[in-house]
Amino acid sequence: MNNANGISRQTLLRRGFALEYATLGWNVIGIVVLAIAAISARSVALAGFGLDSLIEIGASTVVIWELSGTGDERQKRALKLIGAGFALLGLYLLAQSTIVLVSGFHPHHSSLGIVWTAITAAVMFALAFGKARTGAALDNPVLKTEGRVTLIDGLLAAAVLLGLVLNSTLGWWWADPAAGYVLVYYAAREVREIFFGDH
């Protein structure tokens, strides 16, 4: 069965799996890189971004599981699991941003952190775009929703990058936690849509 663009469902499913496995692999590598960067720079933001990678790994695993089967019940359960991931991400960002601001913690310069978050932002935005298109073509709300988790991951990478650069160049240590609050709002909106919206 082909969609409006003449692409078969099997081809789209393969593309969906490829996008999720790419996300999974990138985040597994990212946890290691971020741990090294966070320890060397004593950066709470980089350590927190590593935790965010764990949430993204969980979300990708849920989508791989959902794409492997069929049925409305499976889809609803997958959406709720991704909603829980968004909630965890929002709570983590809220807690981390507040702790960093209240403590006035000043991390060291991190070249590794700057390079990794810059590349990660670009990769996550590309993956999010691919998931949004593939999810729409498949009419799969789970893949589309998880694409928004990936988008948040990209936005968070950009926020951490901005914070690292501003801290290194201008001493603005508070820039990253301030950006975190904006993402808390976005995550909360997604949680509300998943649990209380009309799917």
N, C-alpha and C. Protein backbone atom coordinates (compact mmCIF):
# COMPACT_ATOMS: atom_id res chain seq x y z
N MET A 1 0.85 -1.20 0.00
CA MET A 1 0.00 0.00 0.00
C MET A 1 0.88 1.25 0.00
N ASN A 2 0.63 2.17 -0.93
CA ASN A 2 1.44 3.38 -1.06
C ASN A 2 0.70 4.59 -0.51
N ASN A 3 1.47 5.59 -0.03
CA ASN A 3 0.84 6.84 0.39
C ASN A 3 0.72 7.77 -0.81
N ALA A 4 0.35 9.03 -0.54
CA ALA A 4 0.09 9.98 -1.63
C ALA A 4 1.33 10.23 -2.49
N ASN A 5 2.52 10.07 -1.91
CA ASN A 5 3.75 10.30 -2.65
C ASN A 5 4.27 9.04 -3.34
N GLY A 6 3.51 7.97 -3.27
CA GLY A 6 3.90 6.72 -3.92
C GLY A 6 4.92 5.90 -3.15
N ILE A 7 5.14 6.24 -1.87
CA ILE A 7 6.09 5.48 -1.05
C ILE A 7 5.32 4.42 -0.28
N SER A 8 5.80 3.18 -0.32
CA SER A 8 5.09 2.08 0.35
C SER A 8 5.21 2.21 1.86
N ARG A 9 4.23 1.62 2.56
CA ARG A 9 4.23 1.64 4.03
C ARG A 9 5.48 0.96 4.58
N GLN A 10 5.91 -0.13 3.94
CA GLN A 10 7.10 -0.85 4.40
C GLN A 10 8.34 0.03 4.31
N THR A 11 8.44 0.81 3.23
CA THR A 11 9.58 1.73 3.07
C THR A 11 9.56 2.79 4.17
N LEU A 12 8.37 3.32 4.45
CA LEU A 12 8.24 4.32 5.51
C LEU A 12 8.56 3.74 6.88
N LEU A 13 8.11 2.52 7.12
CA LEU A 13 8.42 1.86 8.39
C LEU A 13 9.92 1.66 8.54
N ARG A 14 10.58 1.22 7.47
CA ARG A 14 12.04 1.05 7.52
C ARG A 14 12.72 2.38 7.82
N ARG A 15 12.20 3.45 7.20
CA ARG A 15 12.76 4.79 7.45
C ARG A 15 12.55 5.18 8.92
N GLY A 16 11.36 4.89 9.45
CA GLY A 16 11.08 5.18 10.86
C GLY A 16 12.03 4.44 11.79
N PHE A 17 12.24 3.15 11.52
CA PHE A 17 13.18 2.36 12.33
C PHE A 17 14.59 2.94 12.24
N ALA A 18 15.02 3.31 11.01
CA ALA A 18 16.37 3.84 10.80
C ALA A 18 16.57 5.14 11.60
N LEU A 19 15.55 6.01 11.58
CA LEU A 19 15.62 7.27 12.33
C LEU A 19 15.74 7.02 13.82
N GLU A 20 14.97 6.05 14.33
CA GLU A 20 15.01 5.75 15.76
C GLU A 20 16.34 5.10 16.16
N TYR A 21 16.84 4.18 15.35
CA TYR A 21 18.12 3.54 15.67
C TYR A 21 19.26 4.56 15.61
N ALA A 22 19.18 5.51 14.68
CA ALA A 22 20.20 6.57 14.60
C ALA A 22 20.16 7.43 15.87
N THR A 23 18.94 7.76 16.32
CA THR A 23 18.78 8.55 17.55
C THR A 23 19.34 7.79 18.74
N LEU A 24 19.00 6.51 18.79
CA LEU A 24 19.45 5.64 19.89
C LEU A 24 20.97 5.59 19.95
N GLY A 25 21.59 5.32 18.80
CA GLY A 25 23.04 5.21 18.74
C GLY A 25 23.74 6.51 19.13
N TRP A 26 23.23 7.62 18.60
CA TRP A 26 23.83 8.92 18.89
C TRP A 26 23.80 9.22 20.39
N ASN A 27 22.65 8.93 21.03
CA ASN A 27 22.51 9.24 22.45
C ASN A 27 23.33 8.32 23.34
N VAL A 28 23.51 7.06 22.93
CA VAL A 28 24.37 6.14 23.70
C VAL A 28 25.81 6.66 23.69
N ILE A 29 26.30 7.07 22.51
CA ILE A 29 27.64 7.65 22.41
C ILE A 29 27.70 8.96 23.21
N GLY A 30 26.61 9.73 23.11
CA GLY A 30 26.55 11.02 23.78
C GLY A 30 26.70 10.94 25.28
N ILE A 31 26.13 9.90 25.90
CA ILE A 31 26.24 9.75 27.35
C ILE A 31 27.70 9.65 27.77
N VAL A 32 28.49 8.89 27.00
CA VAL A 32 29.92 8.73 27.31
C VAL A 32 30.66 10.05 27.12
N VAL A 33 30.44 10.70 25.96
CA VAL A 33 31.12 11.97 25.66
C VAL A 33 30.76 13.03 26.70
N LEU A 34 29.47 13.13 27.03
CA LEU A 34 29.01 14.14 27.97
C LEU A 34 29.53 13.89 29.38
N ALA A 35 29.66 12.63 29.76
CA ALA A 35 30.21 12.30 31.09
C ALA A 35 31.65 12.80 31.19
N ILE A 36 32.44 12.55 30.13
CA ILE A 36 33.84 13.01 30.11
C ILE A 36 33.90 14.54 30.17
N ALA A 37 33.07 15.20 29.33
CA ALA A 37 33.07 16.67 29.27
C ALA A 37 32.59 17.27 30.59
N ALA A 38 31.55 16.68 31.18
CA ALA A 38 30.98 17.22 32.42
C ALA A 38 31.96 17.12 33.59
N ILE A 39 32.66 16.00 33.67
CA ILE A 39 33.61 15.80 34.76
C ILE A 39 34.79 16.77 34.63
N SER A 40 35.31 16.90 33.40
CA SER A 40 36.48 17.77 33.20
C SER A 40 36.14 19.25 33.41
N ALA A 41 34.90 19.65 33.05
CA ALA A 41 34.51 21.06 33.18
C ALA A 41 33.75 21.34 34.48
N ARG A 42 33.44 20.28 35.23
CA ARG A 42 32.59 20.41 36.44
C ARG A 42 31.30 21.15 36.08
N SER A 43 30.69 20.69 34.96
CA SER A 43 29.51 21.37 34.43
C SER A 43 28.22 20.63 34.78
N VAL A 44 27.36 21.29 35.53
CA VAL A 44 26.05 20.72 35.86
C VAL A 44 25.19 20.60 34.59
N ALA A 45 25.29 21.59 33.71
CA ALA A 45 24.49 21.59 32.48
C ALA A 45 24.84 20.40 31.59
N LEU A 46 26.13 20.12 31.44
CA LEU A 46 26.54 18.98 30.60
C LEU A 46 26.13 17.66 31.23
N ALA A 47 26.25 17.56 32.55
CA ALA A 47 25.83 16.34 33.24
C ALA A 47 24.33 16.14 33.08
N GLY A 48 23.59 17.23 33.19
CA GLY A 48 22.14 17.16 33.02
C GLY A 48 21.75 16.79 31.61
N PHE A 49 22.50 17.29 30.63
CA PHE A 49 22.21 16.96 29.23
C PHE A 49 22.44 15.47 28.98
N GLY A 50 23.40 14.89 29.71
CA GLY A 50 23.62 13.44 29.64
C GLY A 50 22.40 12.68 30.14
N LEU A 51 21.76 13.20 31.20
CA LEU A 51 20.53 12.57 31.71
C LEU A 51 19.40 12.69 30.69
N ASP A 52 19.36 13.82 30.00
CA ASP A 52 18.36 14.00 28.95
C ASP A 52 18.55 12.96 27.85
N SER A 53 19.79 12.61 27.56
CA SER A 53 20.06 11.58 26.55
C SER A 53 19.46 10.25 26.95
N LEU A 54 19.45 9.96 28.25
CA LEU A 54 18.82 8.72 28.75
C LEU A 54 17.33 8.72 28.47
N ILE A 55 16.68 9.88 28.66
CA ILE A 55 15.25 10.00 28.39
C ILE A 55 14.98 9.79 26.90
N GLU A 56 15.83 10.37 26.06
CA GLU A 56 15.68 10.21 24.60
C GLU A 56 15.87 8.75 24.19
N ILE A 57 16.79 8.05 24.85
CA ILE A 57 17.00 6.62 24.58
C ILE A 57 15.72 5.85 24.91
N GLY A 58 15.11 6.19 26.06
CA GLY A 58 13.86 5.54 26.45
C GLY A 58 12.75 5.80 25.45
N ALA A 59 12.63 7.05 24.98
CA ALA A 59 11.58 7.41 24.02
C ALA A 59 11.78 6.68 22.69
N SER A 60 13.03 6.59 22.22
CA SER A 60 13.32 5.88 20.96
C SER A 60 12.99 4.40 21.09
N THR A 61 13.30 3.83 22.24
CA THR A 61 13.00 2.41 22.48
C THR A 61 11.49 2.15 22.42
N VAL A 62 10.71 3.08 22.99
CA VAL A 62 9.25 2.97 22.95
C VAL A 62 8.74 2.98 21.52
N VAL A 63 9.28 3.88 20.68
CA VAL A 63 8.82 3.97 19.29
C VAL A 63 9.19 2.72 18.51
N ILE A 64 10.40 2.21 18.73
CA ILE A 64 10.81 0.96 18.06
C ILE A 64 9.85 -0.17 18.43
N TRP A 65 9.48 -0.22 19.69
CA TRP A 65 8.51 -1.24 20.16
C TRP A 65 7.16 -1.03 19.49
N GLU A 66 6.70 0.23 19.40
CA GLU A 66 5.39 0.52 18.82
C GLU A 66 5.36 0.22 17.32
N LEU A 67 6.44 0.57 16.61
CA LEU A 67 6.49 0.33 15.17
C LEU A 67 6.56 -1.16 14.84
N SER A 68 6.97 -1.97 15.82
CA SER A 68 7.09 -3.42 15.61
C SER A 68 5.74 -4.14 15.68
N GLY A 69 4.70 -3.44 16.12
CA GLY A 69 3.39 -4.07 16.26
C GLY A 69 2.29 -3.18 15.73
N THR A 70 1.07 -3.59 15.95
CA THR A 70 -0.08 -2.81 15.49
C THR A 70 -1.13 -2.75 16.59
N GLY A 71 -2.12 -1.91 16.37
CA GLY A 71 -3.25 -1.84 17.29
C GLY A 71 -3.32 -0.51 18.02
N ASP A 72 -4.56 -0.05 18.22
CA ASP A 72 -4.78 1.22 18.91
C ASP A 72 -4.29 1.19 20.35
N GLU A 73 -4.48 0.04 21.02
CA GLU A 73 -4.10 -0.06 22.42
C GLU A 73 -2.58 0.10 22.59
N ARG A 74 -1.84 -0.55 21.67
CA ARG A 74 -0.38 -0.44 21.69
C ARG A 74 0.05 1.01 21.45
N GLN A 75 -0.63 1.69 20.52
CA GLN A 75 -0.31 3.07 20.19
C GLN A 75 -0.59 4.00 21.38
N LYS A 76 -1.73 3.78 22.04
CA LYS A 76 -2.09 4.61 23.20
C LYS A 76 -1.08 4.43 24.33
N ARG A 77 -0.66 3.18 24.56
CA ARG A 77 0.31 2.91 25.62
C ARG A 77 1.65 3.56 25.29
N ALA A 78 2.05 3.50 24.01
CA ALA A 78 3.32 4.11 23.59
C ALA A 78 3.28 5.63 23.77
N LEU A 79 2.14 6.25 23.42
CA LEU A 79 2.00 7.70 23.60
C LEU A 79 2.12 8.09 25.08
N LYS A 80 1.51 7.29 25.94
CA LYS A 80 1.57 7.58 27.38
C LYS A 80 3.00 7.44 27.91
N LEU A 81 3.73 6.46 27.40
CA LEU A 81 5.12 6.28 27.82
C LEU A 81 5.97 7.47 27.37
N ILE A 82 5.72 7.95 26.15
CA ILE A 82 6.46 9.12 25.66
C ILE A 82 6.05 10.37 26.46
N GLY A 83 4.76 10.46 26.81
CA GLY A 83 4.29 11.55 27.66
C GLY A 83 5.01 11.55 29.00
N ALA A 84 5.22 10.35 29.56
CA ALA A 84 5.95 10.23 30.82
C ALA A 84 7.39 10.70 30.63
N GLY A 85 7.97 10.40 29.45
CA GLY A 85 9.32 10.87 29.15
C GLY A 85 9.39 12.38 29.11
N PHE A 86 8.38 13.02 28.48
CA PHE A 86 8.31 14.48 28.45
C PHE A 86 8.21 15.04 29.88
N ALA A 87 7.40 14.39 30.72
CA ALA A 87 7.22 14.85 32.10
C ALA A 87 8.55 14.78 32.86
N LEU A 88 9.26 13.66 32.70
CA LEU A 88 10.57 13.50 33.35
C LEU A 88 11.55 14.57 32.86
N LEU A 89 11.52 14.83 31.56
CA LEU A 89 12.41 15.83 30.98
C LEU A 89 12.11 17.22 31.56
N GLY A 90 10.81 17.55 31.64
CA GLY A 90 10.41 18.83 32.20
C GLY A 90 10.82 18.98 33.66
N LEU A 91 10.62 17.92 34.45
CA LEU A 91 11.00 17.95 35.88
C LEU A 91 12.51 18.08 36.04
N TYR A 92 13.24 17.35 35.21
CA TYR A 92 14.71 17.42 35.25
C TYR A 92 15.20 18.83 34.92
N LEU A 93 14.64 19.43 33.86
CA LEU A 93 15.05 20.78 33.46
C LEU A 93 14.70 21.80 34.54
N LEU A 94 13.52 21.65 35.14
CA LEU A 94 13.09 22.57 36.19
C LEU A 94 14.03 22.49 37.40
N ALA A 95 14.32 21.24 37.82
CA ALA A 95 15.19 21.04 38.98
C ALA A 95 16.61 21.52 38.69
N GLN A 96 17.15 21.14 37.52
CA GLN A 96 18.53 21.51 37.20
C GLN A 96 18.69 23.01 37.07
N SER A 97 17.76 23.66 36.35
CA SER A 97 17.85 25.11 36.15
C SER A 97 17.77 25.85 37.48
N THR A 98 16.86 25.40 38.35
CA THR A 98 16.69 26.05 39.65
C THR A 98 17.94 25.88 40.52
N ILE A 99 18.47 24.66 40.56
CA ILE A 99 19.67 24.38 41.38
C ILE A 99 20.86 25.22 40.92
N VAL A 100 21.06 25.28 39.59
CA VAL A 100 22.19 26.04 39.05
C VAL A 100 22.04 27.53 39.36
N LEU A 101 20.82 28.06 39.20
CA LEU A 101 20.60 29.49 39.46
C LEU A 101 20.75 29.83 40.94
N VAL A 102 20.17 28.99 41.81
CA VAL A 102 20.22 29.25 43.25
C VAL A 102 21.64 29.12 43.79
N SER A 103 22.36 28.10 43.32
CA SER A 103 23.72 27.87 43.83
C SER A 103 24.74 28.82 43.21
N GLY A 104 24.39 29.40 42.05
CA GLY A 104 25.34 30.29 41.37
C GLY A 104 26.57 29.54 40.90
N PHE A 105 26.37 28.28 40.51
CA PHE A 105 27.49 27.41 40.14
C PHE A 105 28.13 27.87 38.83
N HIS A 106 29.44 28.05 38.83
CA HIS A 106 30.18 28.50 37.64
C HIS A 106 31.03 27.36 37.09
N PRO A 107 30.63 26.79 35.95
CA PRO A 107 31.43 25.71 35.36
C PRO A 107 32.69 26.26 34.67
N HIS A 108 33.65 25.36 34.41
CA HIS A 108 34.85 25.73 33.66
C HIS A 108 34.54 25.72 32.16
N HIS A 109 35.46 26.25 31.36
CA HIS A 109 35.33 26.20 29.90
C HIS A 109 35.43 24.74 29.44
N SER A 110 34.62 24.37 28.43
CA SER A 110 34.65 23.00 27.91
C SER A 110 34.59 23.01 26.38
N SER A 111 35.76 22.86 25.75
CA SER A 111 35.79 22.79 24.29
C SER A 111 35.05 21.56 23.78
N LEU A 112 35.25 20.42 24.47
CA LEU A 112 34.57 19.18 24.08
C LEU A 112 33.06 19.36 24.18
N GLY A 113 32.60 19.97 25.26
CA GLY A 113 31.16 20.20 25.44
C GLY A 113 30.59 21.09 24.37
N ILE A 114 31.32 22.14 24.00
CA ILE A 114 30.85 23.07 22.96
C ILE A 114 30.74 22.36 21.61
N VAL A 115 31.78 21.62 21.24
CA VAL A 115 31.77 20.91 19.95
C VAL A 115 30.66 19.87 19.91
N TRP A 116 30.54 19.06 20.99
CA TRP A 116 29.54 17.98 21.00
C TRP A 116 28.11 18.53 20.95
N THR A 117 27.81 19.55 21.76
CA THR A 117 26.44 20.08 21.77
C THR A 117 26.09 20.76 20.45
N ALA A 118 27.09 21.38 19.79
CA ALA A 118 26.83 22.01 18.50
C ALA A 118 26.46 20.95 17.45
N ILE A 119 27.23 19.86 17.41
CA ILE A 119 26.95 18.79 16.44
C ILE A 119 25.63 18.10 16.79
N THR A 120 25.41 17.87 18.09
CA THR A 120 24.18 17.20 18.54
C THR A 120 22.95 18.01 18.17
N ALA A 121 23.00 19.33 18.33
CA ALA A 121 21.85 20.18 17.97
C ALA A 121 21.50 19.98 16.50
N ALA A 122 22.50 20.01 15.62
CA ALA A 122 22.26 19.84 14.19
C ALA A 122 21.70 18.46 13.87
N VAL A 123 22.27 17.42 14.49
CA VAL A 123 21.81 16.05 14.25
C VAL A 123 20.38 15.85 14.73
N MET A 124 20.07 16.36 15.93
CA MET A 124 18.72 16.19 16.49
C MET A 124 17.67 16.95 15.68
N PHE A 125 17.99 18.14 15.19
CA PHE A 125 17.03 18.88 14.37
C PHE A 125 16.75 18.13 13.07
N ALA A 126 17.79 17.54 12.47
CA ALA A 126 17.62 16.76 11.24
C ALA A 126 16.77 15.52 11.50
N LEU A 127 17.04 14.82 12.61
CA LEU A 127 16.27 13.62 12.95
C LEU A 127 14.82 13.97 13.27
N ALA A 128 14.61 15.08 13.99
CA ALA A 128 13.24 15.51 14.33
C ALA A 128 12.44 15.81 13.07
N PHE A 129 13.07 16.46 12.10
CA PHE A 129 12.42 16.77 10.83
C PHE A 129 12.04 15.47 10.11
N GLY A 130 12.98 14.53 10.06
CA GLY A 130 12.71 13.24 9.41
C GLY A 130 11.59 12.47 10.08
N LYS A 131 11.55 12.50 11.41
CA LYS A 131 10.49 11.79 12.15
C LYS A 131 9.13 12.45 11.92
N ALA A 132 9.11 13.78 11.89
CA ALA A 132 7.85 14.49 11.66
C ALA A 132 7.28 14.14 10.28
N ARG A 133 8.13 14.14 9.26
CA ARG A 133 7.68 13.81 7.90
C ARG A 133 7.26 12.35 7.77
N THR A 134 8.07 11.46 8.31
CA THR A 134 7.77 10.03 8.22
C THR A 134 6.54 9.68 9.04
N GLY A 135 6.43 10.27 10.24
CA GLY A 135 5.27 10.04 11.09
C GLY A 135 3.99 10.52 10.44
N ALA A 136 4.07 11.67 9.75
CA ALA A 136 2.89 12.21 9.05
C ALA A 136 2.51 11.31 7.88
N ALA A 137 3.51 10.83 7.13
CA ALA A 137 3.24 9.95 5.98
C ALA A 137 2.65 8.61 6.42
N LEU A 138 3.09 8.14 7.60
CA LEU A 138 2.57 6.88 8.13
C LEU A 138 1.26 7.09 8.90
N ASP A 139 0.92 8.35 9.16
CA ASP A 139 -0.20 8.70 10.03
C ASP A 139 -0.02 8.03 11.40
N ASN A 140 1.21 8.16 11.93
CA ASN A 140 1.57 7.53 13.20
C ASN A 140 1.83 8.60 14.25
N PRO A 141 0.88 8.80 15.18
CA PRO A 141 1.05 9.86 16.18
C PRO A 141 2.21 9.60 17.14
N VAL A 142 2.58 8.33 17.33
CA VAL A 142 3.68 8.01 18.25
C VAL A 142 5.01 8.51 17.68
N LEU A 143 5.26 8.22 16.40
CA LEU A 143 6.50 8.68 15.77
C LEU A 143 6.54 10.20 15.69
N LYS A 144 5.38 10.83 15.38
CA LYS A 144 5.33 12.29 15.31
C LYS A 144 5.62 12.91 16.69
N THR A 145 5.02 12.32 17.74
CA THR A 145 5.20 12.84 19.09
C THR A 145 6.64 12.68 19.55
N GLU A 146 7.23 11.51 19.27
CA GLU A 146 8.62 11.28 19.67
C GLU A 146 9.55 12.20 18.89
N GLY A 147 9.14 12.58 17.68
CA GLY A 147 9.90 13.56 16.92
C GLY A 147 10.00 14.88 17.67
N ARG A 148 8.95 15.21 18.42
CA ARG A 148 8.97 16.44 19.21
C ARG A 148 9.89 16.28 20.43
N VAL A 149 10.03 15.06 20.96
CA VAL A 149 11.01 14.80 22.02
C VAL A 149 12.41 15.08 21.46
N THR A 150 12.65 14.60 20.24
CA THR A 150 13.94 14.81 19.58
C THR A 150 14.17 16.29 19.31
N LEU A 151 13.11 17.01 18.94
CA LEU A 151 13.22 18.46 18.73
C LEU A 151 13.63 19.15 20.03
N ILE A 152 13.01 18.75 21.15
CA ILE A 152 13.38 19.33 22.45
C ILE A 152 14.84 19.02 22.76
N ASP A 153 15.26 17.79 22.44
CA ASP A 153 16.66 17.41 22.64
C ASP A 153 17.58 18.35 21.87
N GLY A 154 17.21 18.67 20.62
CA GLY A 154 17.99 19.60 19.82
C GLY A 154 17.98 21.00 20.41
N LEU A 155 16.80 21.46 20.86
CA LEU A 155 16.69 22.78 21.48
C LEU A 155 17.50 22.85 22.77
N LEU A 156 17.46 21.76 23.54
CA LEU A 156 18.23 21.71 24.78
C LEU A 156 19.73 21.75 24.49
N ALA A 157 20.15 21.01 23.44
CA ALA A 157 21.56 21.04 23.03
C ALA A 157 21.98 22.46 22.67
N ALA A 158 21.09 23.15 21.92
CA ALA A 158 21.38 24.54 21.53
C ALA A 158 21.45 25.45 22.75
N ALA A 159 20.55 25.22 23.73
CA ALA A 159 20.54 26.03 24.95
C ALA A 159 21.81 25.80 25.77
N VAL A 160 22.21 24.52 25.90
CA VAL A 160 23.44 24.20 26.63
C VAL A 160 24.64 24.80 25.91
N LEU A 161 24.64 24.69 24.57
CA LEU A 161 25.72 25.27 23.77
C LEU A 161 25.81 26.79 24.01
N LEU A 162 24.66 27.46 23.94
CA LEU A 162 24.63 28.91 24.17
C LEU A 162 25.17 29.25 25.55
N GLY A 163 24.73 28.46 26.55
CA GLY A 163 25.20 28.68 27.92
C GLY A 163 26.70 28.50 28.05
N LEU A 164 27.24 27.44 27.40
CA LEU A 164 28.68 27.18 27.46
C LEU A 164 29.47 28.30 26.79
N VAL A 165 28.98 28.76 25.63
CA VAL A 165 29.68 29.82 24.89
C VAL A 165 29.62 31.14 25.65
N LEU A 166 28.44 31.50 26.17
CA LEU A 166 28.31 32.75 26.92
C LEU A 166 29.12 32.72 28.21
N ASN A 167 29.18 31.54 28.85
CA ASN A 167 29.98 31.40 30.06
C ASN A 167 31.47 31.56 29.75
N SER A 168 31.91 30.96 28.62
CA SER A 168 33.32 31.02 28.24
C SER A 168 33.75 32.41 27.78
N THR A 169 32.86 33.10 27.05
CA THR A 169 33.24 34.39 26.46
C THR A 169 32.89 35.60 27.33
N LEU A 170 31.72 35.56 27.99
CA LEU A 170 31.26 36.73 28.74
C LEU A 170 31.09 36.48 30.24
N GLY A 171 31.26 35.22 30.66
CA GLY A 171 31.06 34.90 32.08
C GLY A 171 29.59 34.84 32.48
N TRP A 172 28.68 34.72 31.49
CA TRP A 172 27.24 34.65 31.79
C TRP A 172 26.85 33.21 32.15
N TRP A 173 27.18 32.78 33.33
CA TRP A 173 26.93 31.40 33.78
C TRP A 173 25.44 31.08 33.88
N TRP A 174 24.60 32.10 34.02
CA TRP A 174 23.16 31.90 34.24
C TRP A 174 22.37 31.72 32.93
N ALA A 175 23.04 31.88 31.77
CA ALA A 175 22.32 31.83 30.49
C ALA A 175 21.70 30.47 30.22
N ASP A 176 22.41 29.39 30.51
CA ASP A 176 21.89 28.05 30.25
C ASP A 176 20.68 27.70 31.12
N PRO A 177 20.75 27.86 32.46
CA PRO A 177 19.56 27.56 33.25
C PRO A 177 18.36 28.42 32.90
N ALA A 178 18.60 29.69 32.49
CA ALA A 178 17.49 30.56 32.09
C ALA A 178 16.79 29.99 30.86
N ALA A 179 17.57 29.51 29.89
CA ALA A 179 16.99 28.90 28.69
C ALA A 179 16.24 27.61 29.04
N GLY A 180 16.70 26.92 30.07
CA GLY A 180 16.05 25.68 30.50
C GLY A 180 14.59 25.89 30.87
N TYR A 181 14.27 27.03 31.46
CA TYR A 181 12.89 27.30 31.86
C TYR A 181 11.94 27.40 30.65
N VAL A 182 12.45 27.91 29.55
CA VAL A 182 11.64 27.98 28.33
C VAL A 182 11.28 26.57 27.86
N LEU A 183 12.24 25.66 27.94
CA LEU A 183 12.00 24.28 27.52
C LEU A 183 11.08 23.54 28.49
N VAL A 184 11.09 23.93 29.76
CA VAL A 184 10.15 23.34 30.74
C VAL A 184 8.72 23.62 30.29
N TYR A 185 8.47 24.85 29.85
CA TYR A 185 7.13 25.22 29.37
C TYR A 185 6.74 24.36 28.17
N TYR A 186 7.66 24.17 27.23
CA TYR A 186 7.39 23.39 26.03
C TYR A 186 7.08 21.93 26.40
N ALA A 187 7.88 21.37 27.30
CA ALA A 187 7.66 19.98 27.73
C ALA A 187 6.31 19.84 28.43
N ALA A 188 5.94 20.80 29.27
CA ALA A 188 4.66 20.76 29.98
C ALA A 188 3.50 20.81 29.00
N ARG A 189 3.65 21.61 27.95
CA ARG A 189 2.60 21.72 26.93
C ARG A 189 2.42 20.39 26.21
N GLU A 190 3.53 19.70 25.92
CA GLU A 190 3.46 18.40 25.25
C GLU A 190 2.80 17.35 26.15
N VAL A 191 3.12 17.38 27.44
CA VAL A 191 2.52 16.44 28.39
C VAL A 191 1.00 16.63 28.43
N ARG A 192 0.58 17.90 28.48
CA ARG A 192 -0.86 18.21 28.50
C ARG A 192 -1.55 17.70 27.24
N GLU A 193 -0.90 17.89 26.08
CA GLU A 193 -1.47 17.46 24.80
C GLU A 193 -1.58 15.93 24.73
N ILE A 194 -0.55 15.24 25.20
CA ILE A 194 -0.53 13.76 25.13
C ILE A 194 -1.60 13.15 26.05
N PHE A 195 -1.68 13.66 27.28
CA PHE A 195 -2.58 13.05 28.26
C PHE A 195 -4.02 13.60 28.21
N PHE A 196 -4.19 14.84 27.76
CA PHE A 196 -5.52 15.44 27.78
C PHE A 196 -6.02 15.91 26.43
N GLY A 197 -5.16 15.80 25.39
CA GLY A 197 -5.56 16.22 24.04
C GLY A 197 -6.40 15.18 23.36
N ASP A 198 -6.91 15.53 22.20
CA ASP A 198 -7.76 14.62 21.40
C ASP A 198 -6.90 13.95 20.34
N HIS A 199 -6.64 12.61 20.49
CA HIS A 199 -5.79 11.88 19.55
C HIS A 199 -6.67 11.07 18.61
